Amino acid sequence: MTNPLTSWLAELAAELGVDSTLVDRDLLLDVARDAAHGVARPAAPLTTFLVGLAAGLNGGSVEAIEEAASTAQRLATARTPQPG
């Protein structure tokens, strides 16, 4: 049986015209987790969107994704979460 998250990412990547081999699911989930815990829960999807946008604007390579993700994680883990 196929993992629903894996099949969703493959389907979405194909529809968006994105090379699914560039999608590091675990890295993006880690970024989302760090943003949710270090900033606020709603920061998770916004942060991953900005990571993807920044990576795309910087060439869309695996290295660009990793650099944007690293920046987001560094900033998120350095914050003290605010209530609410």
N, C-alpha and C. Protein backbone atom coordinates (compact mmCIF):
# COMPACT_ATOMS: atom_id res chain seq x y z
N MET A 1 0.84 -1.19 0.00
CA MET A 1 0.00 0.00 0.00
C MET A 1 0.89 1.25 0.00
N THR A 2 0.54 2.20 -0.83
CA THR A 2 1.31 3.42 -0.96
C THR A 2 1.00 4.38 0.19
N ASN A 3 2.03 5.00 0.69
CA ASN A 3 1.88 6.01 1.73
C ASN A 3 1.12 7.20 1.13
N PRO A 4 0.03 7.65 1.77
CA PRO A 4 -0.76 8.75 1.19
C PRO A 4 0.03 10.03 1.03
N LEU A 5 0.96 10.30 1.94
CA LEU A 5 1.77 11.52 1.82
C LEU A 5 2.70 11.43 0.61
N THR A 6 3.30 10.27 0.42
CA THR A 6 4.19 10.07 -0.73
C THR A 6 3.43 10.22 -2.04
N SER A 7 2.26 9.59 -2.12
CA SER A 7 1.49 9.69 -3.36
C SER A 7 0.97 11.11 -3.58
N TRP A 8 0.58 11.80 -2.50
CA TRP A 8 0.13 13.19 -2.63
C TRP A 8 1.25 14.08 -3.15
N LEU A 9 2.44 13.95 -2.59
CA LEU A 9 3.56 14.78 -3.03
C LEU A 9 3.90 14.50 -4.49
N ALA A 10 3.87 13.24 -4.89
CA ALA A 10 4.16 12.90 -6.29
C ALA A 10 3.09 13.49 -7.22
N GLU A 11 1.82 13.36 -6.82
CA GLU A 11 0.73 13.90 -7.64
C GLU A 11 0.82 15.43 -7.74
N LEU A 12 1.03 16.08 -6.61
CA LEU A 12 1.11 17.54 -6.60
C LEU A 12 2.31 18.04 -7.39
N ALA A 13 3.45 17.41 -7.18
CA ALA A 13 4.66 17.81 -7.92
C ALA A 13 4.43 17.70 -9.43
N ALA A 14 3.83 16.61 -9.85
CA ALA A 14 3.56 16.42 -11.28
C ALA A 14 2.63 17.51 -11.82
N GLU A 15 1.57 17.79 -11.09
CA GLU A 15 0.61 18.82 -11.54
C GLU A 15 1.22 20.22 -11.56
N LEU A 16 2.16 20.46 -10.64
CA LEU A 16 2.82 21.78 -10.57
C LEU A 16 4.02 21.88 -11.50
N GLY A 17 4.37 20.77 -12.15
CA GLY A 17 5.53 20.78 -13.04
C GLY A 17 6.85 20.84 -12.29
N VAL A 18 6.87 20.26 -11.09
CA VAL A 18 8.07 20.27 -10.25
C VAL A 18 8.70 18.89 -10.28
N ASP A 19 10.00 18.84 -10.39
CA ASP A 19 10.73 17.58 -10.35
C ASP A 19 10.62 17.02 -8.93
N SER A 20 9.91 15.92 -8.79
CA SER A 20 9.68 15.37 -7.45
C SER A 20 10.94 14.89 -6.77
N THR A 21 12.03 14.69 -7.53
CA THR A 21 13.28 14.28 -6.89
C THR A 21 13.90 15.43 -6.10
N LEU A 22 13.43 16.64 -6.32
CA LEU A 22 13.93 17.79 -5.56
C LEU A 22 13.24 17.94 -4.22
N VAL A 23 12.13 17.23 -4.02
CA VAL A 23 11.33 17.36 -2.81
C VAL A 23 11.93 16.47 -1.72
N ASP A 24 12.51 17.10 -0.72
CA ASP A 24 13.02 16.38 0.45
C ASP A 24 11.95 16.50 1.52
N ARG A 25 11.05 15.55 1.53
CA ARG A 25 9.90 15.59 2.43
C ARG A 25 10.32 15.76 3.89
N ASP A 26 11.30 15.00 4.32
CA ASP A 26 11.71 15.06 5.72
C ASP A 26 12.29 16.42 6.08
N LEU A 27 13.07 17.01 5.17
CA LEU A 27 13.63 18.33 5.41
C LEU A 27 12.52 19.37 5.56
N LEU A 28 11.55 19.34 4.65
CA LEU A 28 10.46 20.31 4.72
C LEU A 28 9.59 20.12 5.96
N LEU A 29 9.38 18.88 6.36
CA LEU A 29 8.63 18.62 7.60
C LEU A 29 9.41 19.12 8.81
N ASP A 30 10.74 18.98 8.78
CA ASP A 30 11.56 19.50 9.88
C ASP A 30 11.49 21.02 9.95
N VAL A 31 11.53 21.67 8.79
CA VAL A 31 11.40 23.13 8.75
C VAL A 31 10.05 23.55 9.32
N ALA A 32 8.99 22.86 8.90
CA ALA A 32 7.65 23.18 9.39
C ALA A 32 7.56 22.98 10.90
N ARG A 33 8.14 21.90 11.40
CA ARG A 33 8.12 21.63 12.84
C ARG A 33 8.83 22.73 13.61
N ASP A 34 10.03 23.11 13.13
CA ASP A 34 10.79 24.14 13.83
C ASP A 34 10.07 25.48 13.83
N ALA A 35 9.42 25.81 12.71
CA ALA A 35 8.66 27.07 12.65
C ALA A 35 7.45 27.01 13.58
N ALA A 36 6.76 25.87 13.59
CA ALA A 36 5.58 25.73 14.45
C ALA A 36 5.94 25.82 15.92
N HIS A 37 7.05 25.22 16.29
CA HIS A 37 7.45 25.20 17.71
C HIS A 37 8.22 26.45 18.11
N GLY A 38 9.01 27.00 17.20
CA GLY A 38 9.84 28.14 17.54
C GLY A 38 9.18 29.49 17.35
N VAL A 39 8.14 29.52 16.52
CA VAL A 39 7.46 30.79 16.22
C VAL A 39 6.00 30.67 16.67
N ALA A 40 5.21 29.99 15.89
CA ALA A 40 3.80 29.74 16.18
C ALA A 40 3.31 28.74 15.14
N ARG A 41 2.29 27.97 15.47
CA ARG A 41 1.79 26.94 14.56
C ARG A 41 1.51 27.46 13.14
N PRO A 42 0.85 28.61 13.01
CA PRO A 42 0.58 29.09 11.64
C PRO A 42 1.84 29.45 10.85
N ALA A 43 2.96 29.55 11.52
CA ALA A 43 4.20 29.86 10.81
C ALA A 43 4.68 28.69 9.96
N ALA A 44 4.25 27.48 10.28
CA ALA A 44 4.74 26.29 9.55
C ALA A 44 4.46 26.36 8.04
N PRO A 45 3.20 26.50 7.61
CA PRO A 45 2.98 26.53 6.16
C PRO A 45 3.54 27.79 5.50
N LEU A 46 3.50 28.89 6.21
CA LEU A 46 4.05 30.13 5.64
C LEU A 46 5.56 30.02 5.45
N THR A 47 6.21 29.42 6.42
CA THR A 47 7.67 29.25 6.35
C THR A 47 8.06 28.32 5.21
N THR A 48 7.36 27.20 5.08
CA THR A 48 7.71 26.27 4.00
C THR A 48 7.42 26.88 2.64
N PHE A 49 6.37 27.70 2.56
CA PHE A 49 6.11 28.40 1.30
C PHE A 49 7.28 29.33 0.96
N LEU A 50 7.72 30.11 1.95
CA LEU A 50 8.82 31.04 1.70
C LEU A 50 10.12 30.31 1.38
N VAL A 51 10.35 29.18 2.01
CA VAL A 51 11.54 28.38 1.69
C VAL A 51 11.48 27.96 0.22
N GLY A 52 10.32 27.47 -0.22
CA GLY A 52 10.18 27.06 -1.61
C GLY A 52 10.32 28.22 -2.58
N LEU A 53 9.72 29.35 -2.23
CA LEU A 53 9.82 30.54 -3.08
C LEU A 53 11.27 31.01 -3.19
N ALA A 54 11.94 31.10 -2.06
CA ALA A 54 13.35 31.53 -2.07
C ALA A 54 14.21 30.56 -2.87
N ALA A 55 13.99 29.27 -2.67
CA ALA A 55 14.77 28.27 -3.41
C ALA A 55 14.52 28.41 -4.92
N GLY A 56 13.27 28.60 -5.29
CA GLY A 56 12.95 28.77 -6.71
C GLY A 56 13.59 30.02 -7.30
N LEU A 57 13.54 31.10 -6.55
CA LEU A 57 14.14 32.36 -7.04
C LEU A 57 15.66 32.28 -7.12
N ASN A 58 16.23 31.35 -6.36
CA ASN A 58 17.69 31.19 -6.36
C ASN A 58 18.13 29.98 -7.18
N GLY A 59 17.35 29.60 -8.16
CA GLY A 59 17.77 28.57 -9.10
C GLY A 59 17.04 27.24 -8.97
N GLY A 60 16.42 26.99 -7.83
CA GLY A 60 15.64 25.78 -7.67
C GLY A 60 16.43 24.50 -7.52
N SER A 61 17.71 24.61 -7.26
CA SER A 61 18.53 23.42 -7.10
C SER A 61 18.37 22.83 -5.69
N VAL A 62 18.86 21.62 -5.53
CA VAL A 62 18.86 20.99 -4.21
C VAL A 62 19.61 21.88 -3.23
N GLU A 63 20.70 22.46 -3.66
CA GLU A 63 21.49 23.34 -2.79
C GLU A 63 20.71 24.57 -2.39
N ALA A 64 19.96 25.14 -3.32
CA ALA A 64 19.14 26.32 -3.00
C ALA A 64 18.05 25.98 -1.99
N ILE A 65 17.46 24.80 -2.14
CA ILE A 65 16.45 24.35 -1.18
C ILE A 65 17.08 24.17 0.20
N GLU A 66 18.21 23.49 0.24
CA GLU A 66 18.87 23.24 1.52
C GLU A 66 19.31 24.53 2.20
N GLU A 67 19.78 25.49 1.42
CA GLU A 67 20.21 26.78 1.98
C GLU A 67 19.02 27.55 2.56
N ALA A 68 17.93 27.60 1.82
CA ALA A 68 16.74 28.30 2.31
C ALA A 68 16.18 27.61 3.56
N ALA A 69 16.16 26.29 3.54
CA ALA A 69 15.67 25.53 4.69
C ALA A 69 16.55 25.75 5.91
N SER A 70 17.85 25.77 5.70
CA SER A 70 18.79 25.99 6.79
C SER A 70 18.59 27.37 7.42
N THR A 71 18.40 28.36 6.58
CA THR A 71 18.16 29.72 7.07
C THR A 71 16.88 29.77 7.90
N ALA A 72 15.83 29.16 7.39
CA ALA A 72 14.55 29.17 8.12
C ALA A 72 14.68 28.44 9.45
N GLN A 73 15.34 27.30 9.45
CA GLN A 73 15.50 26.55 10.70
C GLN A 73 16.35 27.31 11.70
N ARG A 74 17.40 27.94 11.24
CA ARG A 74 18.27 28.72 12.14
C ARG A 74 17.48 29.84 12.80
N LEU A 75 16.70 30.56 12.02
CA LEU A 75 15.91 31.66 12.57
C LEU A 75 14.81 31.16 13.49
N ALA A 76 14.12 30.11 13.10
CA ALA A 76 13.00 29.60 13.90
C ALA A 76 13.46 29.03 15.23
N THR A 77 14.58 28.32 15.23
CA THR A 77 15.04 27.70 16.47
C THR A 77 15.69 28.71 17.40
N ALA A 78 16.03 29.88 16.90
CA ALA A 78 16.63 30.91 17.73
C ALA A 78 15.58 31.76 18.45
N ARG A 79 14.33 31.61 18.07
CA ARG A 79 13.23 32.40 18.65
C ARG A 79 12.65 31.73 19.87
N THR A 80 12.05 32.55 20.69
CA THR A 80 11.24 32.05 21.80
C THR A 80 9.80 32.15 21.38
N PRO A 81 9.07 31.03 21.36
CA PRO A 81 7.68 31.10 20.90
C PRO A 81 6.84 32.05 21.74
N GLN A 82 5.97 32.79 21.06
CA GLN A 82 5.07 33.71 21.72
C GLN A 82 3.73 33.01 21.95
N PRO A 83 3.07 33.27 23.06
CA PRO A 83 1.76 32.66 23.27
C PRO A 83 0.76 33.10 22.21
N GLY A 84 -0.11 32.17 21.83
CA GLY A 84 -1.18 32.49 20.87
C GLY A 84 -0.66 32.49 19.53
